[in-house]
Amino acid sequence: MNKGKEHKTQHLSDFLHFSAGLTREEKELQAAAMVGMIDEIDTYKAYKKVSARTKKQSQTRQLIRQLTRIAAILAVPLLLYSSWSVYRQFSEKQENVQLAEQEFSSPVGMRSHIILPDGTSVWLNADSKLRYSVPFIRENRKVELVGEAFLNVVPNKKSPFIVSASNTTVKVTGTRFGVKAYPEEDFISVALLEGSVTLNATNGTKRNTTEMKAGDFYVVEKGTEKIKQLNASIDKQIAWYENILVLDETPLEEVAVLLERWYGVKVFITDDELKKYKFNTTFENEPLNRVLELLELSSPNIKITYKPGKLNRNPGEKNYSVVTISKK
């Protein structure tokens, strides 16, 4: 199309735009002029030009659709990778959380009661520690014990409860039992009040396993796989968690250790012969002075003196009261 025709075409467009403001006679004159213009326009070339633009737009739309499909296909592995990355980061965080530990301790002269995250009740005797990883509720509920504890384990067959002490483990799903594992003692003892437990002792590659039932009392020799059942009173072994101290043919040397733990004092026996003396009595929530008085009255051959400790002025410094047991 030449410049003249382009001008006429533009003029025609201008007419269509401004004709709304003309009179009827003016519109008729303009219409006649339009007819002349139309004859002079190359309609074939105009059609080809419009058709080319339409085709180009159609190709553009088709290209956009194809790119959209490709982007969607590429987005799938990207989404999967992103999901995997988030899961891996979450798992790593969980693993880091598992490394955290919670520890409870009951100092000398005190007994403590704690509730674990699964609802299990634990009574810690004096000079005892209980440690476990957090989060606690997982496939295995495992705790490490140093000292003595009585446990009332919440039943969960899918998640066994394991008490680890030295070379010994006690595995249960729900029961009531006591474990004694003080570092200075040569044996670890387990007293089962209710339910059943699996008692394991290891020594290198050697391993010994025993199934315990209610009323059983077993001891494990530290550093060995030897497990031995004893005919002893279960009540005597676990009465402490109810603040009851039971002496049943208990040698004075062992009584001295119990007094140190229960009351946070230092006990000295001045004569080795006195260490063989045995006592049979029960104390329930008794203060130290009353216990010492009753012990002295039960044996006419011993004399007990008590010297209270001084007030600690330096932080972290311990100043124990002293109990001295001597022969009369």
C-alpha atoms as a PDB file:
ATOM      1  CA  MET A   1       0.000   0.000   0.000  1.00  0.00           C
ATOM      2  CA  ASN A   2       1.464   3.391  -1.036  1.00  0.00           C
ATOM      3  CA  LYS A   3       1.517   6.555   1.003  1.00  0.00           C
ATOM      4  CA  GLY A   4      -1.630   7.896  -0.698  1.00  0.00           C
ATOM      5  CA  LYS A   5      -3.626   4.851   0.210  1.00  0.00           C
ATOM      6  CA  GLU A   6      -2.242   4.918   3.757  1.00  0.00           C
ATOM      7  CA  HIS A   7      -3.390   8.511   4.041  1.00  0.00           C
ATOM      8  CA  LYS A   8      -6.869   7.634   2.787  1.00  0.00           C
ATOM      9  CA  THR A   9      -7.099   4.732   5.128  1.00  0.00           C
ATOM     10  CA  GLN A  10      -6.163   6.986   8.010  1.00  0.00           C
ATOM     11  CA  HIS A  11      -8.752   9.484   6.806  1.00  0.00           C
ATOM     12  CA  LEU A  12     -11.381   6.731   6.767  1.00  0.00           C
ATOM     13  CA  SER A  13     -10.491   5.803  10.307  1.00  0.00           C
ATOM     14  CA  ASP A  14     -10.741   9.414  11.379  1.00  0.00           C
ATOM     15  CA  PHE A  15     -14.201   9.639   9.780  1.00  0.00           C
ATOM     16  CA  LEU A  16     -15.454   6.635  11.696  1.00  0.00           C
ATOM     17  CA  HIS A  17     -14.224   8.231  14.852  1.00  0.00           C
ATOM     18  CA  PHE A  18     -15.610  11.765  14.352  1.00  0.00           C
ATOM     19  CA  SER A  19     -18.790  11.160  12.280  1.00  0.00           C
ATOM     20  CA  ALA A  20     -20.910  11.015  15.371  1.00  0.00           C
ATOM     21  CA  GLY A  21     -20.909  14.841  15.540  1.00  0.00           C
ATOM     22  CA  LEU A  22     -22.026  15.502  11.883  1.00  0.00           C
ATOM     23  CA  THR A  23     -25.497  16.342  10.464  1.00  0.00           C
ATOM     24  CA  ARG A  24     -27.348  13.925   8.198  1.00  0.00           C
ATOM     25  CA  GLU A  25     -26.399  15.838   5.017  1.00  0.00           C
ATOM     26  CA  GLU A  26     -22.745  16.021   6.100  1.00  0.00           C
ATOM     27  CA  LYS A  27     -22.740  12.285   6.872  1.00  0.00           C
ATOM     28  CA  GLU A  28     -24.109  11.472   3.374  1.00  0.00           C
ATOM     29  CA  LEU A  29     -21.401  13.560   1.721  1.00  0.00           C
ATOM     30  CA  GLN A  30     -18.749  11.926   3.846  1.00  0.00           C
ATOM     31  CA  ALA A  31     -20.199   8.462   3.090  1.00  0.00           C
ATOM     32  CA  ALA A  32     -19.903   9.112  -0.631  1.00  0.00           C
ATOM     33  CA  ALA A  33     -16.301  10.095  -0.140  1.00  0.00           C
ATOM     34  CA  MET A  34     -15.752   6.887   1.838  1.00  0.00           C
ATOM     35  CA  VAL A  35     -17.017   4.742  -1.003  1.00  0.00           C
ATOM     36  CA  GLY A  36     -14.397   6.276  -3.207  1.00  0.00           C
ATOM     37  CA  MET A  37     -11.743   5.636  -0.683  1.00  0.00           C
ATOM     38  CA  ILE A  38     -12.748   1.992  -0.262  1.00  0.00           C
ATOM     39  CA  ASP A  39     -12.373   1.412  -3.976  1.00  0.00           C
ATOM     40  CA  GLU A  40      -8.858   2.721  -3.864  1.00  0.00           C
ATOM     41  CA  ILE A  41      -7.787   0.527  -0.804  1.00  0.00           C
ATOM     42  CA  ASP A  42      -5.955  -2.718  -1.650  1.00  0.00           C
ATOM     43  CA  THR A  43      -8.219  -5.057   0.292  1.00  0.00           C
ATOM     44  CA  TYR A  44      -6.133  -8.164  -0.504  1.00  0.00           C
ATOM     45  CA  LYS A  45      -2.973  -6.723   0.999  1.00  0.00           C
ATOM     46  CA  ALA A  46      -4.932  -5.474   3.996  1.00  0.00           C
ATOM     47  CA  TYR A  47      -6.335  -8.974   4.521  1.00  0.00           C
ATOM     48  CA  LYS A  48      -2.850 -10.508   4.292  1.00  0.00           C
ATOM     49  CA  LYS A  49      -1.517  -7.992   6.817  1.00  0.00           C
ATOM     50  CA  VAL A  50      -4.300  -8.702   9.322  1.00  0.00           C
ATOM     51  CA  SER A  51      -3.976 -12.448   8.724  1.00  0.00           C
ATOM     52  CA  ALA A  52      -0.195 -12.290   9.345  1.00  0.00           C
ATOM     53  CA  ARG A  53      -0.761 -10.453  12.642  1.00  0.00           C
ATOM     54  CA  THR A  54      -3.381 -12.982  13.722  1.00  0.00           C
ATOM     55  CA  LYS A  55      -1.113 -15.904  12.834  1.00  0.00           C
ATOM     56  CA  LYS A  56       1.761 -14.309  14.726  1.00  0.00           C
ATOM     57  CA  GLN A  57      -0.423 -13.868  17.815  1.00  0.00           C
ATOM     58  CA  SER A  58      -1.588 -17.490  17.528  1.00  0.00           C
ATOM     59  CA  GLN A  59       2.009 -18.735  17.337  1.00  0.00           C
ATOM     60  CA  THR A  60       2.880 -16.617  20.364  1.00  0.00           C
ATOM     61  CA  ARG A  61       0.003 -18.108  22.360  1.00  0.00           C
ATOM     62  CA  GLN A  62       1.047 -21.628  21.345  1.00  0.00           C
ATOM     63  CA  LEU A  63       4.650 -20.955  22.386  1.00  0.00           C
ATOM     64  CA  ILE A  64       3.459 -19.647  25.758  1.00  0.00           C
ATOM     65  CA  ARG A  65       1.371 -22.817  26.278  1.00  0.00           C
ATOM     66  CA  GLN A  66       4.363 -25.044  25.497  1.00  0.00           C
ATOM     67  CA  LEU A  67       6.616 -23.089  27.831  1.00  0.00           C
ATOM     68  CA  THR A  68       3.971 -23.365  30.548  1.00  0.00           C
ATOM     69  CA  ARG A  69       3.836 -27.161  30.115  1.00  0.00           C
ATOM     70  CA  ILE A  70       7.657 -27.383  30.259  1.00  0.00           C
ATOM     71  CA  ALA A  71       7.747 -25.217  33.365  1.00  0.00           C
ATOM     72  CA  ALA A  72       5.152 -27.446  35.026  1.00  0.00           C
ATOM     73  CA  ILE A  73       7.173 -30.580  34.202  1.00  0.00           C
ATOM     74  CA  LEU A  74      10.382 -29.006  35.526  1.00  0.00           C
ATOM     75  CA  ALA A  75       8.560 -27.849  38.663  1.00  0.00           C
ATOM     76  CA  VAL A  76       7.796 -31.449  39.751  1.00  0.00           C
ATOM     77  CA  PRO A  77      11.411 -32.545  40.423  1.00  0.00           C
ATOM     78  CA  LEU A  78      12.119 -29.091  41.849  1.00  0.00           C
ATOM     79  CA  LEU A  79       9.205 -29.500  44.248  1.00  0.00           C
ATOM     80  CA  LEU A  80      10.363 -32.999  45.188  1.00  0.00           C
ATOM     81  CA  TYR A  81      13.902 -31.748  45.803  1.00  0.00           C
ATOM     82  CA  SER A  82      12.621 -28.861  47.896  1.00  0.00           C
ATOM     83  CA  SER A  83      10.449 -31.232  49.946  1.00  0.00           C
ATOM     84  CA  TRP A  84      13.380 -33.598  50.450  1.00  0.00           C
ATOM     85  CA  SER A  85      15.620 -30.694  51.503  1.00  0.00           C
ATOM     86  CA  VAL A  86      13.079 -29.502  54.066  1.00  0.00           C
ATOM     87  CA  TYR A  87      12.643 -33.064  55.385  1.00  0.00           C
ATOM     88  CA  ARG A  88      16.421 -33.541  55.630  1.00  0.00           C
ATOM     89  CA  GLN A  89      16.852 -30.288  57.498  1.00  0.00           C
ATOM     90  CA  PHE A  90      14.000 -31.237  59.826  1.00  0.00           C
ATOM     91  CA  SER A  91      15.508 -34.690  60.403  1.00  0.00           C
ATOM     92  CA  GLU A  92      18.921 -33.185  61.133  1.00  0.00           C
ATOM     93  CA  LYS A  93      17.324 -30.836  63.625  1.00  0.00           C
ATOM     94  CA  GLN A  94      15.531 -33.792  65.235  1.00  0.00           C
ATOM     95  CA  GLU A  95      18.832 -35.671  65.482  1.00  0.00           C
ATOM     96  CA  ASN A  96      20.434 -32.662  67.108  1.00  0.00           C
ATOM     97  CA  VAL A  97      17.537 -32.456  69.541  1.00  0.00           C
ATOM     98  CA  GLN A  98      18.013 -36.121  70.419  1.00  0.00           C
ATOM     99  CA  LEU A  99      21.524 -35.300  71.596  1.00  0.00           C
ATOM    100  CA  ALA A 100      20.154 -33.079  74.356  1.00  0.00           C
ATOM    101  CA  GLU A 101      19.893 -34.662  77.795  1.00  0.00           C
ATOM    102  CA  GLN A 102      17.796 -34.059  80.866  1.00  0.00           C
ATOM    103  CA  GLU A 103      19.177 -34.953  84.287  1.00  0.00           C
ATOM    104  CA  PHE A 104      17.546 -35.061  87.698  1.00  0.00           C
ATOM    105  CA  SER A 105      19.475 -35.515  90.906  1.00  0.00           C
ATOM    106  CA  SER A 106      18.548 -36.100  94.529  1.00  0.00           C
ATOM    107  CA  PRO A 107      21.318 -34.880  96.822  1.00  0.00           C
ATOM    108  CA  VAL A 108      22.518 -36.497 100.025  1.00  0.00           C
ATOM    109  CA  GLY A 109      19.906 -36.178 102.765  1.00  0.00           C
ATOM    110  CA  MET A 110      16.958 -35.883 100.346  1.00  0.00           C
ATOM    111  CA  ARG A 111      14.595 -38.105  98.388  1.00  0.00           C
ATOM    112  CA  SER A 112      12.851 -36.826  95.255  1.00  0.00           C
ATOM    113  CA  HIS A 113       9.796 -37.669  93.198  1.00  0.00           C
ATOM    114  CA  ILE A 114       9.674 -36.821  89.492  1.00  0.00           C
ATOM    115  CA  ILE A 115       7.277 -37.472  86.608  1.00  0.00           C
ATOM    116  CA  LEU A 116       8.815 -38.372  83.242  1.00  0.00           C
ATOM    117  CA  PRO A 117       7.321 -37.069  79.943  1.00  0.00           C
ATOM    118  CA  ASP A 118       5.484 -40.378  79.360  1.00  0.00           C
ATOM    119  CA  GLY A 119       3.806 -40.170  82.775  1.00  0.00           C
ATOM    120  CA  THR A 120       6.124 -42.668  84.515  1.00  0.00           C
ATOM    121  CA  SER A 121       6.685 -41.884  88.206  1.00  0.00           C
ATOM    122  CA  VAL A 122      10.227 -42.111  89.557  1.00  0.00           C
ATOM    123  CA  TRP A 123      11.311 -41.828  93.180  1.00  0.00           C
ATOM    124  CA  LEU A 124      15.013 -41.069  93.562  1.00  0.00           C
ATOM    125  CA  ASN A 125      16.761 -42.029  96.763  1.00  0.00           C
ATOM    126  CA  ALA A 126      19.399 -39.814  98.340  1.00  0.00           C
ATOM    127  CA  ASP A 127      22.633 -39.301  96.383  1.00  0.00           C
ATOM    128  CA  SER A 128      21.083 -40.532  93.106  1.00  0.00           C
ATOM    129  CA  LYS A 129      20.881 -39.295  89.509  1.00  0.00           C
ATOM    130  CA  LEU A 130      18.575 -40.100  86.604  1.00  0.00           C
ATOM    131  CA  ARG A 131      19.397 -39.041  83.043  1.00  0.00           C
ATOM    132  CA  TYR A 132      17.538 -39.427  79.733  1.00  0.00           C
ATOM    133  CA  SER A 133      17.569 -38.001  76.201  1.00  0.00           C
ATOM    134  CA  VAL A 134      14.966 -35.548  74.965  1.00  0.00           C
ATOM    135  CA  PRO A 135      12.549 -35.837  73.322  1.00  0.00           C
ATOM    136  CA  PHE A 136      11.878 -38.805  75.594  1.00  0.00           C
ATOM    137  CA  ILE A 137       8.891 -40.521  73.930  1.00  0.00           C
ATOM    138  CA  ARG A 138      10.224 -42.620  71.057  1.00  0.00           C
ATOM    139  CA  GLU A 139      10.628 -46.321  70.195  1.00  0.00           C
ATOM    140  CA  ASN A 140      12.630 -46.983  73.359  1.00  0.00           C
ATOM    141  CA  ARG A 141      12.135 -45.073  76.589  1.00  0.00           C
ATOM    142  CA  LYS A 142      15.620 -45.309  78.058  1.00  0.00           C
ATOM    143  CA  VAL A 143      16.986 -43.834  81.291  1.00  0.00           C
ATOM    144  CA  GLU A 144      20.399 -44.081  82.952  1.00  0.00           C
ATOM    145  CA  LEU A 145      20.533 -44.486  86.714  1.00  0.00           C
ATOM    146  CA  VAL A 146      23.285 -43.832  89.203  1.00  0.00           C
ATOM    147  CA  GLY A 147      22.153 -44.568  92.743  1.00  0.00           C
ATOM    148  CA  GLU A 148      18.727 -45.923  93.654  1.00  0.00           C
ATOM    149  CA  ALA A 149      15.252 -45.480  92.223  1.00  0.00           C
ATOM    150  CA  PHE A 150      11.770 -46.894  92.447  1.00  0.00           C
ATOM    151  CA  LEU A 151       9.761 -46.708  89.242  1.00  0.00           C
ATOM    152  CA  ASN A 152       6.084 -46.992  88.408  1.00  0.00           C
ATOM    153  CA  VAL A 153       6.258 -47.352  84.619  1.00  0.00           C
ATOM    154  CA  VAL A 154       3.313 -46.383  82.422  1.00  0.00           C
ATOM    155  CA  PRO A 155       2.414 -49.424  80.235  1.00  0.00           C
ATOM    156  CA  ASN A 156       3.292 -49.163  76.536  1.00  0.00           C
ATOM    157  CA  LYS A 157       3.959 -52.426  74.671  1.00  0.00           C
ATOM    158  CA  LYS A 158       5.105 -50.563  71.551  1.00  0.00           C
ATOM    159  CA  SER A 159       7.702 -48.574  73.496  1.00  0.00           C
ATOM    160  CA  PRO A 160       9.681 -50.603  76.075  1.00  0.00           C
ATOM    161  CA  PHE A 161      11.072 -48.816  79.111  1.00  0.00           C
ATOM    162  CA  ILE A 162      14.769 -49.510  79.752  1.00  0.00           C
ATOM    163  CA  VAL A 163      16.778 -48.705  82.868  1.00  0.00           C
ATOM    164  CA  SER A 164      20.532 -48.789  82.307  1.00  0.00           C
ATOM    165  CA  ALA A 165      22.879 -49.024  85.303  1.00  0.00           C
ATOM    166  CA  SER A 166      26.546 -49.930  84.889  1.00  0.00           C
ATOM    167  CA  ASN A 167      26.670 -53.248  82.963  1.00  0.00           C
ATOM    168  CA  THR A 168      23.028 -54.037  83.715  1.00  0.00           C
ATOM    169  CA  THR A 169      19.776 -53.203  81.928  1.00  0.00           C
ATOM    170  CA  VAL A 170      16.213 -53.719  83.074  1.00  0.00           C
ATOM    171  CA  LYS A 171      13.610 -53.823  80.280  1.00  0.00           C
ATOM    172  CA  VAL A 172       9.890 -53.457  80.994  1.00  0.00           C
ATOM    173  CA  THR A 173       6.676 -52.367  79.291  1.00  0.00           C
ATOM    174  CA  GLY A 174       4.754 -51.409  82.438  1.00  0.00           C
ATOM    175  CA  THR A 175       5.470 -52.415  86.030  1.00  0.00           C
ATOM    176  CA  ARG A 176       6.618 -51.320  89.507  1.00  0.00           C
ATOM    177  CA  PHE A 177      10.147 -52.119  90.596  1.00  0.00           C
ATOM    178  CA  GLY A 178      13.219 -50.815  92.378  1.00  0.00           C
ATOM    179  CA  VAL A 179      16.814 -50.623  91.157  1.00  0.00           C
ATOM    180  CA  LYS A 180      19.825 -49.996  93.378  1.00  0.00           C
ATOM    181  CA  ALA A 181      23.115 -49.151  91.658  1.00  0.00           C
ATOM    182  CA  TYR A 182      25.397 -46.993  93.798  1.00  0.00           C
ATOM    183  CA  PRO A 183      28.914 -46.644  92.317  1.00  0.00           C
ATOM    184  CA  GLU A 184      30.678 -47.593  95.552  1.00  0.00           C
ATOM    185  CA  GLU A 185      28.785 -50.872  95.929  1.00  0.00           C
ATOM    186  CA  ASP A 186      29.811 -54.167  94.305  1.00  0.00           C
ATOM    187  CA  PHE A 187      26.320 -55.308  93.335  1.00  0.00           C
ATOM    188  CA  ILE A 188      23.321 -53.981  91.442  1.00  0.00           C
ATOM    189  CA  SER A 189      20.000 -55.143  92.818  1.00  0.00           C
ATOM    190  CA  VAL A 190      16.532 -55.286  91.271  1.00  0.00           C
ATOM    191  CA  ALA A 191      13.379 -55.814  93.349  1.00  0.00           C
ATOM    192  CA  LEU A 192      10.162 -56.428  91.398  1.00  0.00           C
ATOM    193  CA  LEU A 193       6.918 -55.501  93.123  1.00  0.00           C
ATOM    194  CA  GLU A 194       4.434 -55.875  90.227  1.00  0.00           C
ATOM    195  CA  GLY A 195       4.482 -57.031  86.611  1.00  0.00           C
ATOM    196  CA  SER A 196       7.468 -58.655  84.928  1.00  0.00           C
ATOM    197  CA  VAL A 197      10.879 -57.474  83.756  1.00  0.00           C
ATOM    198  CA  THR A 198      13.767 -58.749  81.650  1.00  0.00           C
ATOM    199  CA  LEU A 199      17.081 -58.449  83.493  1.00  0.00           C
ATOM    200  CA  ASN A 200      20.260 -58.394  81.368  1.00  0.00           C
ATOM    201  CA  ALA A 201      23.894 -58.448  82.509  1.00  0.00           C
ATOM    202  CA  THR A 202      26.830 -58.174  80.110  1.00  0.00           C
ATOM    203  CA  ASN A 203      30.558 -58.754  80.402  1.00  0.00           C
ATOM    204  CA  GLY A 204      32.285 -58.109  77.105  1.00  0.00           C
ATOM    205  CA  THR A 205      30.784 -60.614  74.672  1.00  0.00           C
ATOM    206  CA  LYS A 206      29.165 -62.599  77.485  1.00  0.00           C
ATOM    207  CA  ARG A 207      25.546 -61.956  78.303  1.00  0.00           C
ATOM    208  CA  ASN A 208      23.090 -63.363  80.798  1.00  0.00           C
ATOM    209  CA  THR A 209      19.320 -62.801  80.746  1.00  0.00           C
ATOM    210  CA  THR A 210      16.693 -63.567  83.367  1.00  0.00           C
ATOM    211  CA  GLU A 211      12.933 -63.093  83.302  1.00  0.00           C
ATOM    212  CA  MET A 212      11.741 -61.785  86.662  1.00  0.00           C
ATOM    213  CA  LYS A 213       8.242 -62.066  88.090  1.00  0.00           C
ATOM    214  CA  ALA A 214       6.478 -60.223  90.888  1.00  0.00           C
ATOM    215  CA  GLY A 215       8.151 -60.771  94.265  1.00  0.00           C
ATOM    216  CA  ASP A 216      11.586 -61.628  92.821  1.00  0.00           C
ATOM    217  CA  PHE A 217      14.785 -60.063  94.090  1.00  0.00           C
ATOM    218  CA  TYR A 218      17.967 -60.406  92.018  1.00  0.00           C
ATOM    219  CA  VAL A 219      21.500 -59.060  92.270  1.00  0.00           C
ATOM    220  CA  VAL A 220      24.131 -58.643  89.558  1.00  0.00           C
ATOM    221  CA  GLU A 221      27.834 -58.651  90.369  1.00  0.00           C
ATOM    222  CA  LYS A 222      29.328 -55.569  88.738  1.00  0.00           C
ATOM    223  CA  GLY A 223      31.731 -56.215  85.886  1.00  0.00           C
ATOM    224  CA  THR A 224      30.370 -59.734  85.334  1.00  0.00           C
ATOM    225  CA  GLU A 225      27.386 -61.388  83.701  1.00  0.00           C
ATOM    226  CA  LYS A 226      26.526 -63.242  86.929  1.00  0.00           C
ATOM    227  CA  ILE A 227      22.901 -62.907  88.049  1.00  0.00           C
ATOM    228  CA  LYS A 228      21.784 -64.361  91.358  1.00  0.00           C
ATOM    229  CA  GLN A 229      18.357 -64.634  92.967  1.00  0.00           C
ATOM    230  CA  LEU A 230      18.148 -63.914  96.696  1.00  0.00           C
ATOM    231  CA  ASN A 231      15.488 -64.895  99.185  1.00  0.00           C
ATOM    232  CA  ALA A 232      14.946 -61.424 100.647  1.00  0.00           C
ATOM    233  CA  SER A 233      12.011 -59.270 101.636  1.00  0.00           C
ATOM    234  CA  ILE A 234      10.827 -57.070  98.778  1.00  0.00           C
ATOM    235  CA  ASP A 235       9.279 -54.660 101.251  1.00  0.00           C
ATOM    236  CA  LYS A 236      12.649 -54.053 102.862  1.00  0.00           C
ATOM    237  CA  GLN A 237      14.203 -53.227  99.488  1.00  0.00           C
ATOM    238  CA  ILE A 238      11.625 -50.681  98.350  1.00  0.00           C
ATOM    239  CA  ALA A 239      10.203 -49.248 101.596  1.00  0.00           C
ATOM    240  CA  TRP A 240      12.546 -46.251 101.383  1.00  0.00           C
ATOM    241  CA  TYR A 241      10.462 -44.582  98.621  1.00  0.00           C
ATOM    242  CA  GLU A 242       7.674 -44.210 101.201  1.00  0.00           C
ATOM    243  CA  ASN A 243      10.170 -42.699 103.670  1.00  0.00           C
ATOM    244  CA  ILE A 244      10.378 -45.914 105.677  1.00  0.00           C
ATOM    245  CA  LEU A 245      13.801 -47.174 106.741  1.00  0.00           C
ATOM    246  CA  VAL A 246      13.769 -50.910 107.426  1.00  0.00           C
ATOM    247  CA  LEU A 247      16.642 -52.569 109.285  1.00  0.00           C
ATOM    248  CA  ASP A 248      16.409 -56.347 109.024  1.00  0.00           C
ATOM    249  CA  GLU A 249      19.514 -58.023 110.442  1.00  0.00           C
ATOM    250  CA  THR A 250      21.393 -55.036 109.048  1.00  0.00           C
ATOM    251  CA  PRO A 251      25.087 -54.715 110.134  1.00  0.00           C
ATOM    252  CA  LEU A 252      26.066 -51.435 111.811  1.00  0.00           C
ATOM    253  CA  GLU A 253      28.494 -50.701 108.976  1.00  0.00           C
ATOM    254  CA  GLU A 254      25.593 -50.742 106.514  1.00  0.00           C
ATOM    255  CA  VAL A 255      23.440 -48.737 108.937  1.00  0.00           C
ATOM    256  CA  ALA A 256      26.133 -46.039 108.948  1.00  0.00           C
ATOM    257  CA  VAL A 257      25.953 -45.779 105.127  1.00  0.00           C
ATOM    258  CA  LEU A 258      22.160 -45.499 105.262  1.00  0.00           C
ATOM    259  CA  LEU A 259      22.341 -42.725 107.853  1.00  0.00           C
ATOM    260  CA  GLU A 260      24.810 -40.779 105.737  1.00  0.00           C
ATOM    261  CA  ARG A 261      22.559 -40.935 102.683  1.00  0.00           C
ATOM    262  CA  TRP A 262      19.275 -40.355 104.462  1.00  0.00           C
ATOM    263  CA  TYR A 263      20.317 -37.500 106.722  1.00  0.00           C
ATOM    264  CA  GLY A 264      23.346 -35.995 105.005  1.00  0.00           C
ATOM    265  CA  VAL A 265      25.777 -36.596 107.879  1.00  0.00           C
ATOM    266  CA  LYS A 266      29.177 -38.212 108.297  1.00  0.00           C
ATOM    267  CA  VAL A 267      29.227 -41.349 110.441  1.00  0.00           C
ATOM    268  CA  PHE A 268      32.377 -42.712 112.055  1.00  0.00           C
ATOM    269  CA  ILE A 269      32.622 -46.111 113.780  1.00  0.00           C
ATOM    270  CA  THR A 270      35.604 -46.082 116.123  1.00  0.00           C
ATOM    271  CA  ASP A 271      35.814 -49.830 116.701  1.00  0.00           C
ATOM    272  CA  ASP A 272      35.836 -52.441 113.907  1.00  0.00           C
ATOM    273  CA  GLU A 273      34.138 -54.955 116.210  1.00  0.00           C
ATOM    274  CA  LEU A 274      31.065 -52.732 116.322  1.00  0.00           C
ATOM    275  CA  LYS A 275      30.673 -52.974 112.555  1.00  0.00           C
ATOM    276  CA  LYS A 276      29.387 -56.536 112.978  1.00  0.00           C
ATOM    277  CA  TYR A 277      26.488 -55.534 115.217  1.00  0.00           C
ATOM    278  CA  LYS A 278      23.128 -56.142 113.558  1.00  0.00           C
ATOM    279  CA  PHE A 279      19.898 -54.237 113.990  1.00  0.00           C
ATOM    280  CA  ASN A 280      16.225 -55.086 113.524  1.00  0.00           C
ATOM    281  CA  THR A 281      13.908 -52.110 113.578  1.00  0.00           C
ATOM    282  CA  THR A 282      11.847 -49.813 111.380  1.00  0.00           C
ATOM    283  CA  PHE A 283      11.867 -46.024 111.218  1.00  0.00           C
ATOM    284  CA  GLU A 284       9.082 -44.113 109.513  1.00  0.00           C
ATOM    285  CA  ASN A 285       9.643 -40.398 108.924  1.00  0.00           C
ATOM    286  CA  GLU A 286      11.769 -40.182 112.047  1.00  0.00           C
ATOM    287  CA  PRO A 287      14.176 -37.267 112.610  1.00  0.00           C
ATOM    288  CA  LEU A 288      17.880 -38.049 112.998  1.00  0.00           C
ATOM    289  CA  ASN A 289      18.051 -37.431 116.746  1.00  0.00           C
ATOM    290  CA  ARG A 290      15.224 -39.924 117.346  1.00  0.00           C
ATOM    291  CA  VAL A 291      16.888 -42.562 115.133  1.00  0.00           C
ATOM    292  CA  LEU A 292      20.211 -42.200 116.976  1.00  0.00           C
ATOM    293  CA  GLU A 293      18.472 -42.436 120.316  1.00  0.00           C
ATOM    294  CA  LEU A 294      16.659 -45.648 119.370  1.00  0.00           C
ATOM    295  CA  LEU A 295      19.812 -47.211 117.927  1.00  0.00           C
ATOM    296  CA  GLU A 296      21.702 -46.518 121.150  1.00  0.00           C
ATOM    297  CA  LEU A 297      18.894 -47.945 123.275  1.00  0.00           C
ATOM    298  CA  SER A 298      18.726 -51.126 121.168  1.00  0.00           C
ATOM    299  CA  SER A 299      22.331 -52.030 121.963  1.00  0.00           C
ATOM    300  CA  PRO A 300      23.732 -51.434 125.462  1.00  0.00           C
ATOM    301  CA  ASN A 301      27.318 -51.717 124.207  1.00  0.00           C
ATOM    302  CA  ILE A 302      27.395 -48.672 121.939  1.00  0.00           C
ATOM    303  CA  LYS A 303      27.542 -44.955 122.549  1.00  0.00           C
ATOM    304  CA  ILE A 304      26.486 -42.413 119.936  1.00  0.00           C
ATOM    305  CA  THR A 305      27.460 -38.744 119.907  1.00  0.00           C
ATOM    306  CA  TYR A 306      26.294 -36.057 117.512  1.00  0.00           C
ATOM    307  CA  LYS A 307      28.145 -32.882 116.553  1.00  0.00           C
ATOM    308  CA  PRO A 308      26.189 -30.438 114.350  1.00  0.00           C
ATOM    309  CA  GLY A 309      27.936 -28.898 111.389  1.00  0.00           C
ATOM    310  CA  LYS A 310      28.690 -25.202 111.142  1.00  0.00           C
ATOM    311  CA  LEU A 311      26.947 -22.806 108.808  1.00  0.00           C
ATOM    312  CA  ASN A 312      28.627 -22.711 105.394  1.00  0.00           C
ATOM    313  CA  ARG A 313      29.962 -19.259 104.602  1.00  0.00           C
ATOM    314  CA  ASN A 314      31.733 -20.118 101.357  1.00  0.00           C
ATOM    315  CA  PRO A 315      29.532 -21.132  98.362  1.00  0.00           C
ATOM    316  CA  GLY A 316      30.026 -24.790  97.395  1.00  0.00           C
ATOM    317  CA  GLU A 317      31.745 -25.666 100.666  1.00  0.00           C
ATOM    318  CA  LYS A 318      30.199 -28.564 102.613  1.00  0.00           C
ATOM    319  CA  ASN A 319      30.312 -28.776 106.373  1.00  0.00           C
ATOM    320  CA  TYR A 320      28.615 -31.989 107.505  1.00  0.00           C
ATOM    321  CA  SER A 321      27.277 -32.827 110.912  1.00  0.00           C
ATOM    322  CA  VAL A 322      29.210 -35.711 112.465  1.00  0.00           C
ATOM    323  CA  VAL A 323      27.891 -38.855 114.152  1.00  0.00           C
ATOM    324  CA  THR A 324      30.395 -40.918 116.104  1.00  0.00           C
ATOM    325  CA  ILE A 325      29.589 -44.485 117.203  1.00  0.00           C
ATOM    326  CA  SER A 326      31.905 -45.973 119.782  1.00  0.00           C
ATOM    327  CA  LYS A 327      31.994 -48.742 122.327  1.00  0.00           C
ATOM    328  CA  LYS A 328      30.899 -47.969 125.888  1.00  0.00           C
END
